[in-house]
């Protein structure tokens, strides 16, 4: 995995990850399907190492970056979910990538959907795993089924930056937001999350705060705009982003399907990630 810093025209910096080049800069990516990974909250952008064995035989090239305010990327005050599209376009242009698939988990799901909606000429297909729906979505009990700690965190965000900052100053990790299946996954191969959560918080909660403020503000796009094929993957026991959110999103996207894994939670649903990669390969016309 090669890591570089991309300087943008507005003076910001994005920290980029790319499996298509090695540390010497040699590009071995010709003919490979590019999958842009969109990370969750709070994570840095390193692509999901537990899915590498499944991605290799599919010839997948992983590309990703730290969202603004995380890791090596400059903060972008008052960013919304739609802001991701311009950053992804900049990364793709810098790497000479024309078309690509997108995949996001948790907070990365809305950002993957934004790319599908706002970059229709470039996005081949979309996988959204365990994502939230837009705040205040019509007909959706947005907080229904969500762990109490998540409700408190996102209600604070809905009250504005000061309330969210005050909440985070006293917030503690709540193991009850994860199911027993989640805890098993975190004790197994998805212990990988320790590699992306810790670094995301080393500089403080700024990235997390900006993420949560963006989730409860207008997203800046309509998921119904997406014309590329979309797969929603969700665990039926999810306490972080209840599965009703993906059900709502699927009903608004004309080209979408939903795979609900009834026994899974927010993390264990990623055990179906290899099947989602196969779906991406099947629905991509990149070759």
Protein backbone atom coordinates (compact mmCIF):
# COMPACT_ATOMS: atom_id res chain seq x y z
CA UNK A 1 0.00 0.00 0.00
CA UNK A 2 1.54 3.27 -1.12
CA UNK A 3 0.69 6.38 0.92
CA UNK A 4 1.08 9.88 -0.49
CA UNK A 5 -0.10 13.40 0.25
CA UNK A 6 -2.11 15.23 -2.40
CA UNK A 7 -2.06 19.03 -2.34
CA UNK A 8 -5.37 20.54 -3.52
CA UNK A 9 -5.91 23.85 -5.27
CA UNK A 10 -7.59 25.31 -2.16
CA UNK A 11 -4.45 24.66 -0.10
CA UNK A 12 -5.75 21.58 1.70
CA UNK A 13 -3.94 18.25 1.83
CA UNK A 14 -5.42 14.78 1.45
CA UNK A 15 -3.56 11.70 2.67
CA UNK A 16 -4.09 9.05 -0.01
CA UNK A 17 -3.73 5.25 0.00
CA UNK A 18 -3.24 3.29 -3.23
CA UNK A 19 -2.55 -0.42 -3.70
CA UNK A 20 -1.88 0.09 -7.42
CA UNK A 21 1.61 1.43 -6.87
CA UNK A 22 4.41 0.26 -4.64
CA UNK A 23 6.80 2.39 -2.62
CA UNK A 24 9.03 2.89 -5.67
CA UNK A 25 6.11 4.36 -7.60
CA UNK A 26 5.82 1.42 -10.00
CA UNK A 27 2.24 1.17 -11.31
CA UNK A 28 0.88 -2.37 -11.71
CA UNK A 29 -2.77 -1.39 -11.96
CA UNK A 30 -3.54 -1.62 -15.67
CA UNK A 31 -6.81 -3.44 -16.30
CA UNK A 32 -7.73 -3.68 -12.61
CA UNK A 33 -11.01 -2.62 -11.07
CA UNK A 34 -10.47 0.39 -8.83
CA UNK A 35 -12.51 0.40 -5.62
CA UNK A 36 -12.56 3.65 -3.66
CA UNK A 37 -12.97 2.78 0.02
CA UNK A 38 -14.84 5.24 2.25
CA UNK A 39 -14.04 4.80 5.92
CA UNK A 40 -16.31 4.95 8.94
CA UNK A 41 -16.43 7.24 11.97
CA UNK A 42 -13.93 7.59 13.57
CA UNK A 43 -11.40 5.86 11.29
CA UNK A 44 -8.50 6.83 9.09
CA UNK A 45 -8.81 5.88 5.44
CA UNK A 46 -6.60 2.79 5.18
CA UNK A 47 -8.50 0.21 3.07
CA UNK A 48 -9.90 -2.86 4.86
CA UNK A 49 -7.05 -5.33 5.18
CA UNK A 50 -9.35 -8.27 6.13
CA UNK A 51 -10.88 -8.03 2.64
CA UNK A 52 -7.55 -8.08 0.80
CA UNK A 53 -7.51 -11.90 0.34
CA UNK A 54 -10.95 -11.75 -1.32
CA UNK A 55 -10.00 -8.71 -3.42
CA UNK A 56 -6.76 -10.15 -4.82
CA UNK A 57 -8.23 -12.79 -7.17
CA UNK A 58 -10.71 -10.17 -8.43
CA UNK A 59 -7.83 -7.91 -9.41
CA UNK A 60 -9.08 -5.07 -7.24
CA UNK A 61 -6.97 -1.96 -6.79
CA UNK A 62 -7.81 -0.20 -3.53
CA UNK A 63 -7.74 3.59 -3.39
CA UNK A 64 -8.82 5.69 -0.42
CA UNK A 65 -7.94 8.72 1.66
CA UNK A 66 -8.37 10.17 5.13
CA UNK A 67 -11.48 12.34 5.19
CA UNK A 68 -10.77 15.98 6.10
CA UNK A 69 -9.82 16.31 9.75
CA UNK A 70 -8.58 12.72 10.08
CA UNK A 71 -5.02 11.42 9.94
CA UNK A 72 -2.95 13.31 7.39
CA UNK A 73 -5.80 15.26 5.78
CA UNK A 74 -6.46 18.93 6.44
CA UNK A 75 -9.79 19.76 8.11
CA UNK A 76 -12.56 21.24 5.96
CA UNK A 77 -14.79 23.32 8.25
CA UNK A 78 -18.53 22.85 7.79
CA UNK A 79 -18.13 20.13 5.18
CA UNK A 80 -21.23 18.21 4.19
CA UNK A 81 -21.54 14.66 2.89
CA UNK A 82 -21.58 15.90 -0.70
CA UNK A 83 -18.12 17.47 -0.22
CA UNK A 84 -16.61 14.05 -0.70
CA UNK A 85 -17.31 14.09 -4.45
CA UNK A 86 -14.88 16.91 -5.21
CA UNK A 87 -12.15 15.27 -3.11
CA UNK A 88 -12.63 11.88 -4.78
CA UNK A 89 -12.52 13.53 -8.19
CA UNK A 90 -9.24 15.22 -7.25
CA UNK A 91 -7.71 11.94 -6.04
CA UNK A 92 -8.87 10.05 -9.14
CA UNK A 93 -7.55 12.75 -11.47
CA UNK A 94 -4.19 12.82 -9.69
CA UNK A 95 -3.86 9.03 -10.02
CA UNK A 96 -5.05 8.96 -13.65
CA UNK A 97 -8.16 6.93 -12.79
CA UNK A 98 -11.18 7.44 -15.04
CA UNK A 99 -13.90 5.16 -13.73
CA UNK A 100 -14.17 3.27 -10.46
CA UNK A 101 -16.47 1.55 -7.98
CA UNK A 102 -17.10 2.89 -4.47
CA UNK A 103 -17.60 1.05 -1.19
CA UNK A 104 -18.21 2.50 2.25
CA UNK A 105 -18.88 1.12 5.72
CA UNK A 106 -20.87 2.89 8.43
CA UNK A 107 -20.16 6.62 8.05
CA UNK A 108 -18.46 5.80 4.78
CA UNK A 109 -21.78 4.58 3.35
CA UNK A 110 -23.34 8.04 2.86
CA UNK A 111 -20.06 9.25 1.36
CA UNK A 112 -20.01 6.37 -1.12
CA UNK A 113 -23.61 7.20 -2.04
CA UNK A 114 -22.62 10.85 -2.57
CA UNK A 115 -20.05 9.76 -5.14
CA UNK A 116 -22.65 7.64 -6.91
CA UNK A 117 -25.06 10.57 -7.05
CA UNK A 118 -22.63 13.37 -7.91
CA UNK A 119 -20.05 11.59 -10.09
CA UNK A 120 -22.36 9.56 -12.37
CA UNK A 121 -19.93 9.66 -15.28
CA UNK A 122 -17.21 8.02 -13.20
CA UNK A 123 -18.84 5.70 -10.66
CA UNK A 124 -19.51 2.19 -11.96
CA UNK A 125 -21.35 0.80 -8.95
CA UNK A 126 -21.79 1.39 -5.23
CA UNK A 127 -21.71 -0.78 -2.10
CA UNK A 128 -23.01 0.81 1.09
CA UNK A 129 -22.53 -1.23 4.28
CA UNK A 130 -24.39 -0.40 7.52
CA UNK A 131 -25.06 3.22 6.57
CA UNK A 132 -27.29 5.86 8.07
CA UNK A 133 -30.11 7.44 6.04
CA UNK A 134 -30.47 11.23 5.82
CA UNK A 135 -31.43 12.86 9.09
CA UNK A 136 -35.16 13.45 9.28
CA UNK A 137 -35.86 11.09 6.38
CA UNK A 138 -39.59 11.06 5.72
CA UNK A 139 -41.32 7.96 7.03
CA UNK A 140 -38.28 6.70 8.96
CA UNK A 141 -37.99 6.51 12.75
CA UNK A 142 -34.41 7.71 12.50
CA UNK A 143 -33.37 6.90 16.09
CA UNK A 144 -35.48 3.75 16.36
CA UNK A 145 -33.37 0.72 17.39
CA UNK A 146 -30.23 2.81 17.95
CA UNK A 147 -28.11 2.33 21.10
CA UNK A 148 -28.66 5.03 23.71
CA UNK A 149 -25.09 6.27 23.40
CA UNK A 150 -25.51 6.75 19.66
CA UNK A 151 -28.79 8.59 20.16
CA UNK A 152 -27.16 10.97 22.65
CA UNK A 153 -24.18 11.58 20.37
CA UNK A 154 -26.21 12.34 17.26
CA UNK A 155 -28.81 14.41 19.13
CA UNK A 156 -25.94 16.55 20.39
CA UNK A 157 -24.72 16.96 16.81
CA UNK A 158 -28.21 18.02 15.76
CA UNK A 159 -28.03 20.81 18.34
CA UNK A 160 -24.90 22.24 16.69
CA UNK A 161 -21.13 22.26 16.96
CA UNK A 162 -20.89 23.59 20.52
CA UNK A 163 -23.26 20.95 21.88
CA UNK A 164 -21.43 18.22 19.99
CA UNK A 165 -18.03 19.39 21.23
CA UNK A 166 -19.33 19.45 24.80
CA UNK A 167 -20.74 15.95 24.38
CA UNK A 168 -17.46 14.56 23.05
CA UNK A 169 -15.53 16.12 25.93
CA UNK A 170 -17.24 13.66 28.29
CA UNK A 171 -18.04 10.77 25.94
CA UNK A 172 -16.79 7.26 26.70
CA UNK A 173 -16.69 4.07 24.67
CA UNK A 174 -19.97 2.16 24.98
CA UNK A 175 -19.50 -1.59 24.35
CA UNK A 176 -23.30 -2.05 24.39
CA UNK A 177 -23.59 -0.41 20.98
CA UNK A 178 -22.12 -3.61 19.54
CA UNK A 179 -23.81 -7.01 19.51
CA UNK A 180 -22.17 -10.26 20.67
CA UNK A 181 -21.53 -11.05 16.98
CA UNK A 182 -19.80 -7.66 16.65
CA UNK A 183 -17.59 -8.34 19.65
CA UNK A 184 -16.65 -11.72 18.17
CA UNK A 185 -15.72 -10.04 14.90
CA UNK A 186 -13.66 -7.40 16.72
CA UNK A 187 -11.82 -10.15 18.59
CA UNK A 188 -11.09 -11.91 15.28
CA UNK A 189 -10.02 -10.65 11.89
CA UNK A 190 -11.86 -7.34 12.34
CA UNK A 191 -9.52 -6.50 15.19
CA UNK A 192 -8.10 -4.51 12.24
CA UNK A 193 -10.31 -1.66 13.46
CA UNK A 194 -7.77 -1.00 16.21
CA UNK A 195 -5.36 0.02 13.45
CA UNK A 196 -7.70 2.68 12.04
CA UNK A 197 -9.63 3.97 15.08
CA UNK A 198 -6.66 4.82 17.30
CA UNK A 199 -4.83 6.92 14.69
CA UNK A 200 -8.09 8.68 13.80
CA UNK A 201 -8.39 10.01 17.35
CA UNK A 202 -4.73 10.82 18.01
CA UNK A 203 -5.27 14.43 16.99
CA UNK A 204 -8.52 14.78 18.96
CA UNK A 205 -12.18 14.32 18.02
CA UNK A 206 -12.30 16.96 15.28
CA UNK A 207 -12.84 14.55 12.40
CA UNK A 208 -15.52 12.66 14.31
CA UNK A 209 -17.31 15.89 15.19
CA UNK A 210 -17.26 17.09 11.57
CA UNK A 211 -18.57 13.71 10.42
CA UNK A 212 -21.49 13.66 12.84
CA UNK A 213 -22.41 17.26 12.08
CA UNK A 214 -22.50 16.33 8.38
CA UNK A 215 -24.73 13.28 8.97
CA UNK A 216 -27.44 15.32 10.71
CA UNK A 217 -27.28 18.27 8.29
CA UNK A 218 -28.65 18.28 4.72
CA UNK A 219 -26.42 15.91 2.76
CA UNK A 220 -26.27 18.03 -0.38
CA UNK A 221 -27.63 15.35 -2.72
CA UNK A 222 -30.57 12.99 -3.13
CA UNK A 223 -29.76 9.24 -3.01
CA UNK A 224 -32.47 8.85 -5.64
CA UNK A 225 -30.12 10.55 -8.13
CA UNK A 226 -27.90 7.48 -8.31
CA UNK A 227 -28.13 5.68 -11.66
CA UNK A 228 -25.32 3.15 -11.11
CA UNK A 229 -26.16 -0.21 -9.53
CA UNK A 230 -26.23 -0.02 -5.71
CA UNK A 231 -25.95 -2.77 -3.11
CA UNK A 232 -27.01 -2.06 0.45
CA UNK A 233 -25.57 -4.52 2.97
CA UNK A 234 -26.85 -4.39 6.55
CA UNK A 235 -27.00 -6.48 9.70
CA UNK A 236 -30.46 -7.03 11.13
CA UNK A 237 -29.24 -6.55 14.72
CA UNK A 238 -27.27 -3.35 14.07
CA UNK A 239 -27.44 -1.00 17.09
CA UNK A 240 -25.27 1.76 15.60
CA UNK A 241 -27.15 2.32 12.34
CA UNK A 242 -30.33 0.23 12.42
CA UNK A 243 -31.16 -1.75 9.29
CA UNK A 244 -34.29 0.34 8.72
CA UNK A 245 -31.91 3.01 7.39
CA UNK A 246 -30.73 0.85 4.49
CA UNK A 247 -34.30 -0.27 3.89
CA UNK A 248 -35.29 3.39 3.52
CA UNK A 249 -32.34 4.15 1.25
CA UNK A 250 -32.99 1.12 -0.94
CA UNK A 251 -36.59 2.20 -1.45
CA UNK A 252 -35.37 5.57 -2.80
CA UNK A 253 -32.71 4.25 -5.19
CA UNK A 254 -34.15 2.87 -8.42
CA UNK A 255 -31.16 0.62 -9.18
CA UNK A 256 -30.62 -0.74 -5.66
CA UNK A 257 -30.87 -4.08 -3.89
CA UNK A 258 -30.65 -4.86 -0.18
CA UNK A 259 -28.88 -7.82 1.40
CA UNK A 260 -29.97 -8.09 5.01
CA UNK A 261 -28.06 -10.54 7.20
CA UNK A 262 -30.46 -11.04 10.12
CA UNK A 263 -27.99 -12.19 12.80
CA UNK A 264 -25.33 -9.56 12.16
CA UNK A 265 -24.56 -6.26 13.84
CA UNK A 266 -22.61 -3.21 12.75
CA UNK A 267 -19.20 -4.90 12.53
CA UNK A 268 -19.99 -8.58 11.92
CA UNK A 269 -21.87 -7.61 8.73
CA UNK A 270 -18.42 -7.06 7.22
CA UNK A 271 -17.99 -10.83 7.22
CA UNK A 272 -20.16 -10.59 4.08
CA UNK A 273 -17.70 -8.13 2.56
CA UNK A 274 -16.12 -10.72 0.26
CA UNK A 275 -19.52 -11.41 -1.32
CA UNK A 276 -19.99 -7.65 -1.75
CA UNK A 277 -16.68 -7.45 -3.60
CA UNK A 278 -17.85 -10.21 -5.94
CA UNK A 279 -21.01 -8.16 -6.52
CA UNK A 280 -18.89 -5.12 -7.38
CA UNK A 281 -16.86 -7.11 -9.88
CA UNK A 282 -19.99 -8.54 -11.49
CA UNK A 283 -21.67 -5.14 -11.81
CA UNK A 284 -18.66 -3.26 -13.10
CA UNK A 285 -18.20 -2.77 -16.84
CA UNK A 286 -14.66 -1.46 -16.45
CA UNK A 287 -13.10 -4.02 -18.80
